[in-house]
PDB file of N, CA and C in Angstrom:
ATOM      1  N   MET A   1       0.987  -1.115  -0.142  1.00  0.00           N
ATOM      2  CA  MET A   1      -0.217   0.032   0.098  1.00  0.00           C
ATOM      3  C   MET A   1       0.829   0.926   0.177  1.00  0.00           C
ATOM      4  N   ALA A   2       1.931   1.107   0.259  1.00  0.00           N
ATOM      5  CA  ALA A   2       2.806   2.334   0.612  1.00  0.00           C
ATOM      6  C   ALA A   2       3.647   2.255  -0.904  1.00  0.00           C
ATOM      7  N   ILE A   3       3.609   1.630  -1.375  1.00  0.00           N
ATOM      8  CA  ILE A   3       4.061   1.963  -2.899  1.00  0.00           C
ATOM      9  C   ILE A   3       3.081   2.144  -3.914  1.00  0.00           C
ATOM     10  N   VAL A   4       1.753   2.093  -3.519  1.00  0.00           N
ATOM     11  CA  VAL A   4       0.443   2.663  -4.583  1.00  0.00           C
ATOM     12  C   VAL A   4       0.411   4.237  -4.134  1.00  0.00           C
ATOM     13  N   LYS A   5       0.430   4.069  -2.467  1.00  0.00           N
ATOM     14  CA  LYS A   5       0.526   5.654  -2.205  1.00  0.00           C
ATOM     15  C   LYS A   5       1.860   6.628  -3.062  1.00  0.00           C
ATOM     16  N   ALA A   6       2.916   6.195  -3.378  1.00  0.00           N
ATOM     17  CA  ALA A   6       3.798   6.995  -3.647  1.00  0.00           C
ATOM     18  C   ALA A   6       3.689   7.259  -5.215  1.00  0.00           C
ATOM     19  N   MET A   7       3.015   5.729  -6.046  1.00  0.00           N
ATOM     20  CA  MET A   7       2.936   5.852  -6.735  1.00  0.00           C
ATOM     21  C   MET A   7       2.045   7.182  -6.933  1.00  0.00           C
ATOM     22  N   ILE A   8       0.637   7.186  -6.580  1.00  0.00           N
ATOM     23  CA  ILE A   8      -0.166   8.503  -6.406  1.00  0.00           C
ATOM     24  C   ILE A   8       0.684   9.734  -6.345  1.00  0.00           C
ATOM     25  N   GLU A   9       1.154   9.679  -5.808  1.00  0.00           N
ATOM     26  CA  GLU A   9       2.071  11.331  -4.894  1.00  0.00           C
ATOM     27  C   GLU A   9       3.022  11.918  -5.689  1.00  0.00           C
ATOM     28  N   THR A  10       3.419  10.712  -6.773  1.00  0.00           N
ATOM     29  CA  THR A  10       4.535  11.335  -8.102  1.00  0.00           C
ATOM     30  C   THR A  10       3.992  11.117  -9.294  1.00  0.00           C
ATOM     31  N   ASP A  11       2.614  10.488  -9.317  1.00  0.00           N
ATOM     32  CA  ASP A  11       2.163  10.438 -10.422  1.00  0.00           C
ATOM     33  C   ASP A  11       2.675   9.785 -11.935  1.00  0.00           C
ATOM     34  N   ASN A  12       3.644   8.405 -10.991  1.00  0.00           N
ATOM     35  CA  ASN A  12       4.408   7.814 -11.845  1.00  0.00           C
ATOM     36  C   ASN A  12       3.701   6.166 -11.594  1.00  0.00           C
ATOM     37  N   TYR A  13       3.055   5.658 -12.278  1.00  0.00           N
ATOM     38  CA  TYR A  13       2.616   4.140 -12.684  1.00  0.00           C
ATOM     39  C   TYR A  13       3.450   3.010 -13.392  1.00  0.00           C
ATOM     40  N   PRO A  14       3.237   2.245 -12.847  1.00  0.00           N
ATOM     41  CA  PRO A  14       4.296   1.036 -14.023  1.00  0.00           C
ATOM     42  C   PRO A  14       2.814   0.785 -14.796  1.00  0.00           C
ATOM     43  N   ASP A  15       3.987   0.218 -16.074  1.00  0.00           N
ATOM     44  CA  ASP A  15       2.909  -0.348 -16.900  1.00  0.00           C
ATOM     45  C   ASP A  15       1.979  -1.388 -16.187  1.00  0.00           C
ATOM     46  N   PHE A  16       3.021  -2.530 -15.835  1.00  0.00           N
ATOM     47  CA  PHE A  16       2.230  -3.723 -15.520  1.00  0.00           C
ATOM     48  C   PHE A  16       3.136  -4.037 -13.892  1.00  0.00           C
ATOM     49  N   ILE A  17       2.377  -5.060 -13.232  1.00  0.00           N
ATOM     50  CA  ILE A  17       2.833  -5.699 -12.002  1.00  0.00           C
ATOM     51  C   ILE A  17       2.578  -7.327 -12.364  1.00  0.00           C
ATOM     52  N   VAL A  18       3.471  -7.913 -11.873  1.00  0.00           N
ATOM     53  CA  VAL A  18       3.703  -9.333 -12.213  1.00  0.00           C
ATOM     54  C   VAL A  18       3.414  -9.524 -10.602  1.00  0.00           C
ATOM     55  N   ILE A  19       2.366 -10.447 -10.619  1.00  0.00           N
ATOM     56  CA  ILE A  19       2.324 -11.619  -9.273  1.00  0.00           C
ATOM     57  C   ILE A  19       2.872 -13.090  -9.186  1.00  0.00           C
ATOM     58  N   ASP A  20       3.489 -13.259  -8.221  1.00  0.00           N
ATOM     59  CA  ASP A  20       3.977 -15.020  -8.297  1.00  0.00           C
ATOM     60  C   ASP A  20       3.905 -15.276  -7.286  1.00  0.00           C
ATOM     61  N   GLY A  21       2.679 -16.650  -7.216  1.00  0.00           N
ATOM     62  CA  GLY A  21       1.663 -17.088  -6.035  1.00  0.00           C
ATOM     63  C   GLY A  21       3.387 -17.707  -5.498  1.00  0.00           C
ATOM     64  N   ALA A  22       2.639 -18.310  -4.208  1.00  0.00           N
ATOM     65  CA  ALA A  22       3.951 -18.886  -3.037  1.00  0.00           C
ATOM     66  C   ALA A  22       3.936 -20.081  -3.381  1.00  0.00           C
ATOM     67  N   GLU A  23       3.031 -20.982  -4.676  1.00  0.00           N
ATOM     68  CA  GLU A  23       2.996 -22.121  -4.429  1.00  0.00           C
ATOM     69  C   GLU A  23       4.222 -22.799  -5.344  1.00  0.00           C
ATOM     70  N   GLY A  24       5.214 -22.142  -5.878  1.00  0.00           N
ATOM     71  CA  GLY A  24       6.791 -22.475  -6.486  1.00  0.00           C
ATOM     72  C   GLY A  24       6.442 -23.416  -7.679  1.00  0.00           C
ATOM     73  N   GLY A  25       7.251 -22.834  -8.686  1.00  0.00           N
ATOM     74  CA  GLY A  25       7.469 -23.302  -9.922  1.00  0.00           C
ATOM     75  C   GLY A  25       8.415 -24.131 -10.340  1.00  0.00           C
ATOM     76  N   THR A  26       9.400 -23.702  -9.913  1.00  0.00           N
ATOM     77  CA  THR A  26      10.702 -24.855 -10.346  1.00  0.00           C
ATOM     78  C   THR A  26      11.180 -25.285  -9.282  1.00  0.00           C
ATOM     79  N   GLY A  27      10.976 -24.778  -7.823  1.00  0.00           N
ATOM     80  CA  GLY A  27      11.229 -25.491  -6.993  1.00  0.00           C
ATOM     81  C   GLY A  27      12.717 -24.970  -6.564  1.00  0.00           C
ATOM     82  N   ALA A  28      13.223 -23.832  -6.719  1.00  0.00           N
ATOM     83  CA  ALA A  28      14.320 -23.823  -7.023  1.00  0.00           C
ATOM     84  C   ALA A  28      14.920 -22.940  -5.380  1.00  0.00           C
ATOM     85  N   ALA A  29      13.839 -22.497  -4.719  1.00  0.00           N
ATOM     86  CA  ALA A  29      13.832 -22.033  -3.438  1.00  0.00           C
ATOM     87  C   ALA A  29      13.724 -22.902  -2.053  1.00  0.00           C
ATOM     88  N   PRO A  30      14.483 -22.315  -1.487  1.00  0.00           N
ATOM     89  CA  PRO A  30      14.963 -23.285  -0.118  1.00  0.00           C
ATOM     90  C   PRO A  30      13.515 -23.790   0.309  1.00  0.00           C
ATOM     91  N   VAL A  31      13.715 -24.914   0.851  1.00  0.00           N
ATOM     92  CA  VAL A  31      12.003 -25.462   1.616  1.00  0.00           C
ATOM     93  C   VAL A  31      11.520 -24.393   2.476  1.00  0.00           C
ATOM     94  N   GLU A  32      12.286 -24.042   3.113  1.00  0.00           N
ATOM     95  CA  GLU A  32      11.651 -23.009   4.081  1.00  0.00           C
ATOM     96  C   GLU A  32      11.124 -21.874   3.726  1.00  0.00           C
ATOM     97  N   PHE A  33      11.660 -21.555   2.330  1.00  0.00           N
ATOM     98  CA  PHE A  33      11.086 -20.287   1.742  1.00  0.00           C
ATOM     99  C   PHE A  33       9.628 -21.099   1.470  1.00  0.00           C
ATOM    100  N   MET A  34       9.816 -21.805   0.242  1.00  0.00           N
ATOM    101  CA  MET A  34       8.666 -22.677  -0.013  1.00  0.00           C
ATOM    102  C   MET A  34       7.233 -22.482   0.907  1.00  0.00           C
ATOM    103  N   ASP A  35       8.055 -23.509   1.857  1.00  0.00           N
ATOM    104  CA  ASP A  35       6.675 -23.890   3.071  1.00  0.00           C
ATOM    105  C   ASP A  35       6.095 -22.571   3.818  1.00  0.00           C
ATOM    106  N   ASN A  36       6.883 -21.469   4.092  1.00  0.00           N
ATOM    107  CA  ASN A  36       6.897 -20.663   5.381  1.00  0.00           C
ATOM    108  C   ASN A  36       6.480 -19.099   4.762  1.00  0.00           C
ATOM    109  N   VAL A  37       7.105 -18.665   3.606  1.00  0.00           N
ATOM    110  CA  VAL A  37       7.015 -17.376   2.999  1.00  0.00           C
ATOM    111  C   VAL A  37       5.741 -17.177   1.771  1.00  0.00           C
ATOM    112  N   GLY A  38       4.818 -16.212   1.438  1.00  0.00           N
ATOM    113  CA  GLY A  38       4.265 -15.951   0.456  1.00  0.00           C
ATOM    114  C   GLY A  38       3.187 -15.769   0.629  1.00  0.00           C
ATOM    115  N   MET A  39       1.918 -16.189  -0.691  1.00  0.00           N
ATOM    116  CA  MET A  39       0.766 -16.061  -0.448  1.00  0.00           C
ATOM    117  C   MET A  39       0.525 -16.791  -1.804  1.00  0.00           C
ATOM    118  N   PRO A  40      -0.635 -17.770  -1.696  1.00  0.00           N
ATOM    119  CA  PRO A  40      -0.903 -18.389  -2.909  1.00  0.00           C
ATOM    120  C   PRO A  40      -1.478 -17.474  -4.015  1.00  0.00           C
ATOM    121  N   MET A  41      -1.611 -18.331  -4.963  1.00  0.00           N
ATOM    122  CA  MET A  41      -1.830 -17.161  -6.083  1.00  0.00           C
ATOM    123  C   MET A  41      -3.128 -16.128  -6.176  1.00  0.00           C
ATOM    124  N   VAL A  42      -3.940 -16.783  -5.824  1.00  0.00           N
ATOM    125  CA  VAL A  42      -5.028 -16.058  -5.929  1.00  0.00           C
ATOM    126  C   VAL A  42      -4.915 -15.468  -4.985  1.00  0.00           C
ATOM    127  N   GLU A  43      -4.906 -15.383  -3.651  1.00  0.00           N
ATOM    128  CA  GLU A  43      -4.763 -14.496  -2.783  1.00  0.00           C
ATOM    129  C   GLU A  43      -4.067 -12.966  -2.764  1.00  0.00           C
ATOM    130  N   GLY A  44      -2.879 -13.289  -3.490  1.00  0.00           N
ATOM    131  CA  GLY A  44      -1.657 -12.059  -3.974  1.00  0.00           C
ATOM    132  C   GLY A  44      -2.694 -11.497  -4.767  1.00  0.00           C
ATOM    133  N   PHE A  45      -3.019 -12.000  -5.980  1.00  0.00           N
ATOM    134  CA  PHE A  45      -3.797 -10.918  -6.681  1.00  0.00           C
ATOM    135  C   PHE A  45      -4.769 -10.501  -6.248  1.00  0.00           C
ATOM    136  N   LEU A  46      -5.647 -11.103  -5.620  1.00  0.00           N
ATOM    137  CA  LEU A  46      -6.878 -10.186  -5.142  1.00  0.00           C
ATOM    138  C   LEU A  46      -6.539  -8.962  -3.959  1.00  0.00           C
ATOM    139  N   LEU A  47      -5.273  -9.210  -3.308  1.00  0.00           N
ATOM    140  CA  LEU A  47      -4.699  -8.667  -2.435  1.00  0.00           C
ATOM    141  C   LEU A  47      -4.032  -7.151  -3.503  1.00  0.00           C
ATOM    142  N   ILE A  48      -3.316  -7.505  -4.245  1.00  0.00           N
ATOM    143  CA  ILE A  48      -2.827  -6.096  -5.552  1.00  0.00           C
ATOM    144  C   ILE A  48      -3.883  -5.798  -6.293  1.00  0.00           C
ATOM    145  N   HIS A  49      -4.861  -6.637  -6.581  1.00  0.00           N
ATOM    146  CA  HIS A  49      -6.255  -5.905  -7.490  1.00  0.00           C
ATOM    147  C   HIS A  49      -7.127  -4.814  -6.895  1.00  0.00           C
ATOM    148  N   ASN A  50      -7.113  -5.646  -5.486  1.00  0.00           N
ATOM    149  CA  ASN A  50      -8.205  -4.556  -4.497  1.00  0.00           C
ATOM    150  C   ASN A  50      -7.538  -3.393  -4.133  1.00  0.00           C
ATOM    151  N   THR A  51      -6.286  -3.426  -3.934  1.00  0.00           N
ATOM    152  CA  THR A  51      -5.418  -1.982  -3.102  1.00  0.00           C
ATOM    153  C   THR A  51      -5.251  -1.260  -4.223  1.00  0.00           C
ATOM    154  N   LEU A  52      -5.180  -1.255  -5.756  1.00  0.00           N
ATOM    155  CA  LEU A  52      -5.339  -0.774  -6.756  1.00  0.00           C
ATOM    156  C   LEU A  52      -6.477  -0.309  -6.871  1.00  0.00           C
ATOM    157  N   VAL A  53      -7.890  -1.271  -6.864  1.00  0.00           N
ATOM    158  CA  VAL A  53      -9.338  -0.579  -6.687  1.00  0.00           C
ATOM    159  C   VAL A  53      -9.300   0.388  -6.303  1.00  0.00           C
ATOM    160  N   GLY A  54      -9.203  -0.036  -5.022  1.00  0.00           N
ATOM    161  CA  GLY A  54      -9.492   1.339  -3.865  1.00  0.00           C
ATOM    162  C   GLY A  54      -8.533   2.224  -3.615  1.00  0.00           C
ATOM    163  N   ALA A  55      -7.256   2.417  -4.414  1.00  0.00           N
ATOM    164  CA  ALA A  55      -6.352   3.594  -4.797  1.00  0.00           C
ATOM    165  C   ALA A  55      -7.004   3.989  -6.033  1.00  0.00           C
ATOM    166  N   GLY A  56      -7.884   3.489  -6.738  1.00  0.00           N
ATOM    167  CA  GLY A  56      -8.473   4.599  -8.090  1.00  0.00           C
ATOM    168  C   GLY A  56      -7.903   4.321  -9.198  1.00  0.00           C
ATOM    169  N   ILE A  57      -6.857   3.401  -9.090  1.00  0.00           N
ATOM    170  CA  ILE A  57      -6.041   3.500  -9.900  1.00  0.00           C
ATOM    171  C   ILE A  57      -5.638   2.004 -11.023  1.00  0.00           C
ATOM    172  N   ARG A  58      -6.514   1.169 -10.938  1.00  0.00           N
ATOM    173  CA  ARG A  58      -6.589  -0.098 -11.473  1.00  0.00           C
ATOM    174  C   ARG A  58      -6.214   0.143 -12.546  1.00  0.00           C
ATOM    175  N   ASP A  59      -7.156   0.616 -13.355  1.00  0.00           N
ATOM    176  CA  ASP A  59      -7.290   1.566 -14.969  1.00  0.00           C
ATOM    177  C   ASP A  59      -5.931   1.626 -15.460  1.00  0.00           C
ATOM    178  N   LYS A  60      -4.647   1.599 -14.932  1.00  0.00           N
ATOM    179  CA  LYS A  60      -3.652   2.410 -14.815  1.00  0.00           C
ATOM    180  C   LYS A  60      -2.887   1.238 -15.282  1.00  0.00           C
ATOM    181  N   ILE A  61      -2.655  -0.086 -14.458  1.00  0.00           N
ATOM    182  CA  ILE A  61      -1.673  -0.962 -14.715  1.00  0.00           C
ATOM    183  C   ILE A  61      -2.131  -2.067 -14.827  1.00  0.00           C
ATOM    184  N   LYS A  62      -1.897  -2.564 -15.516  1.00  0.00           N
ATOM    185  CA  LYS A  62      -1.815  -4.194 -16.098  1.00  0.00           C
ATOM    186  C   LYS A  62      -1.159  -5.278 -15.238  1.00  0.00           C
ATOM    187  N   LEU A  63      -1.676  -6.566 -15.099  1.00  0.00           N
ATOM    188  CA  LEU A  63      -1.719  -7.466 -13.543  1.00  0.00           C
ATOM    189  C   LEU A  63      -1.503  -8.848 -14.423  1.00  0.00           C
ATOM    190  N   GLY A  64       0.157  -8.855 -14.454  1.00  0.00           N
ATOM    191  CA  GLY A  64       0.079 -10.713 -14.578  1.00  0.00           C
ATOM    192  C   GLY A  64       0.370 -11.251 -13.620  1.00  0.00           C
ATOM    193  N   VAL A  65      -0.088 -12.734 -13.540  1.00  0.00           N
ATOM    194  CA  VAL A  65      -0.239 -13.585 -12.297  1.00  0.00           C
ATOM    195  C   VAL A  65       0.566 -14.950 -13.291  1.00  0.00           C
ATOM    196  N   SER A  66       1.478 -15.716 -11.900  1.00  0.00           N
ATOM    197  CA  SER A  66       1.393 -16.793 -12.394  1.00  0.00           C
ATOM    198  C   SER A  66       1.778 -17.469 -11.238  1.00  0.00           C
ATOM    199  N   GLY A  67       1.235 -18.964 -11.147  1.00  0.00           N
ATOM    200  CA  GLY A  67       1.455 -19.930 -10.200  1.00  0.00           C
ATOM    201  C   GLY A  67       1.150 -21.140 -10.404  1.00  0.00           C
ATOM    202  N   LYS A  68       0.604 -22.216  -9.478  1.00  0.00           N
ATOM    203  CA  LYS A  68       0.530 -23.551  -9.953  1.00  0.00           C
ATOM    204  C   LYS A  68      -0.821 -23.681 -10.263  1.00  0.00           C
ATOM    205  N   ILE A  69      -1.432 -24.028 -11.309  1.00  0.00           N
ATOM    206  CA  ILE A  69      -2.958 -25.008 -11.383  1.00  0.00           C
ATOM    207  C   ILE A  69      -2.802 -26.270 -11.646  1.00  0.00           C
ATOM    208  N   VAL A  70      -3.375 -26.893 -10.571  1.00  0.00           N
ATOM    209  CA  VAL A  70      -3.280 -28.579 -10.547  1.00  0.00           C
ATOM    210  C   VAL A  70      -4.164 -29.114 -11.254  1.00  0.00           C
ATOM    211  N   SER A  71      -5.328 -28.391 -10.911  1.00  0.00           N
ATOM    212  CA  SER A  71      -6.784 -29.203 -11.254  1.00  0.00           C
ATOM    213  C   SER A  71      -7.465 -28.486 -12.424  1.00  0.00           C
ATOM    214  N   GLY A  72      -8.846 -28.843 -13.015  1.00  0.00           N
ATOM    215  CA  GLY A  72      -9.538 -28.103 -13.441  1.00  0.00           C
ATOM    216  C   GLY A  72     -10.477 -27.172 -12.711  1.00  0.00           C
ATOM    217  N   PHE A  73     -10.654 -27.306 -11.331  1.00  0.00           N
ATOM    218  CA  PHE A  73     -11.142 -26.617 -10.597  1.00  0.00           C
ATOM    219  C   PHE A  73     -10.559 -25.133 -10.175  1.00  0.00           C
ATOM    220  N   ASP A  74      -9.016 -25.473 -10.250  1.00  0.00           N
ATOM    221  CA  ASP A  74      -7.864 -24.225 -10.390  1.00  0.00           C
ATOM    222  C   ASP A  74      -8.414 -23.097 -11.242  1.00  0.00           C
ATOM    223  N   ILE A  75      -8.476 -24.241 -12.649  1.00  0.00           N
ATOM    224  CA  ILE A  75      -8.914 -23.197 -13.833  1.00  0.00           C
ATOM    225  C   ILE A  75     -10.308 -22.458 -13.705  1.00  0.00           C
ATOM    226  N   ALA A  76     -11.161 -23.142 -12.981  1.00  0.00           N
ATOM    227  CA  ALA A  76     -12.331 -22.504 -13.200  1.00  0.00           C
ATOM    228  C   ALA A  76     -12.289 -21.443 -12.323  1.00  0.00           C
ATOM    229  N   VAL A  77     -11.392 -21.263 -11.049  1.00  0.00           N
ATOM    230  CA  VAL A  77     -11.499 -20.627  -9.932  1.00  0.00           C
ATOM    231  C   VAL A  77     -10.880 -19.201 -10.416  1.00  0.00           C
TER     232      VAL A  77
END
């Protein structure tokens, strides 16, 4: 939220933000990080999306999201 505040104060916005879920992709991170740090992909996306909407700048920034999709239910969500 502090970064969003700084964007608004400086009127300087990135073209896009990429959110990477904590589910892990390559498994290259230490086990402690994979098990105890980060947020799942969907929750991370919703946090950033809702923060930008609340600040009224969502239309200025595109969002990209990456994470693990394991089942058809994940795709539907």
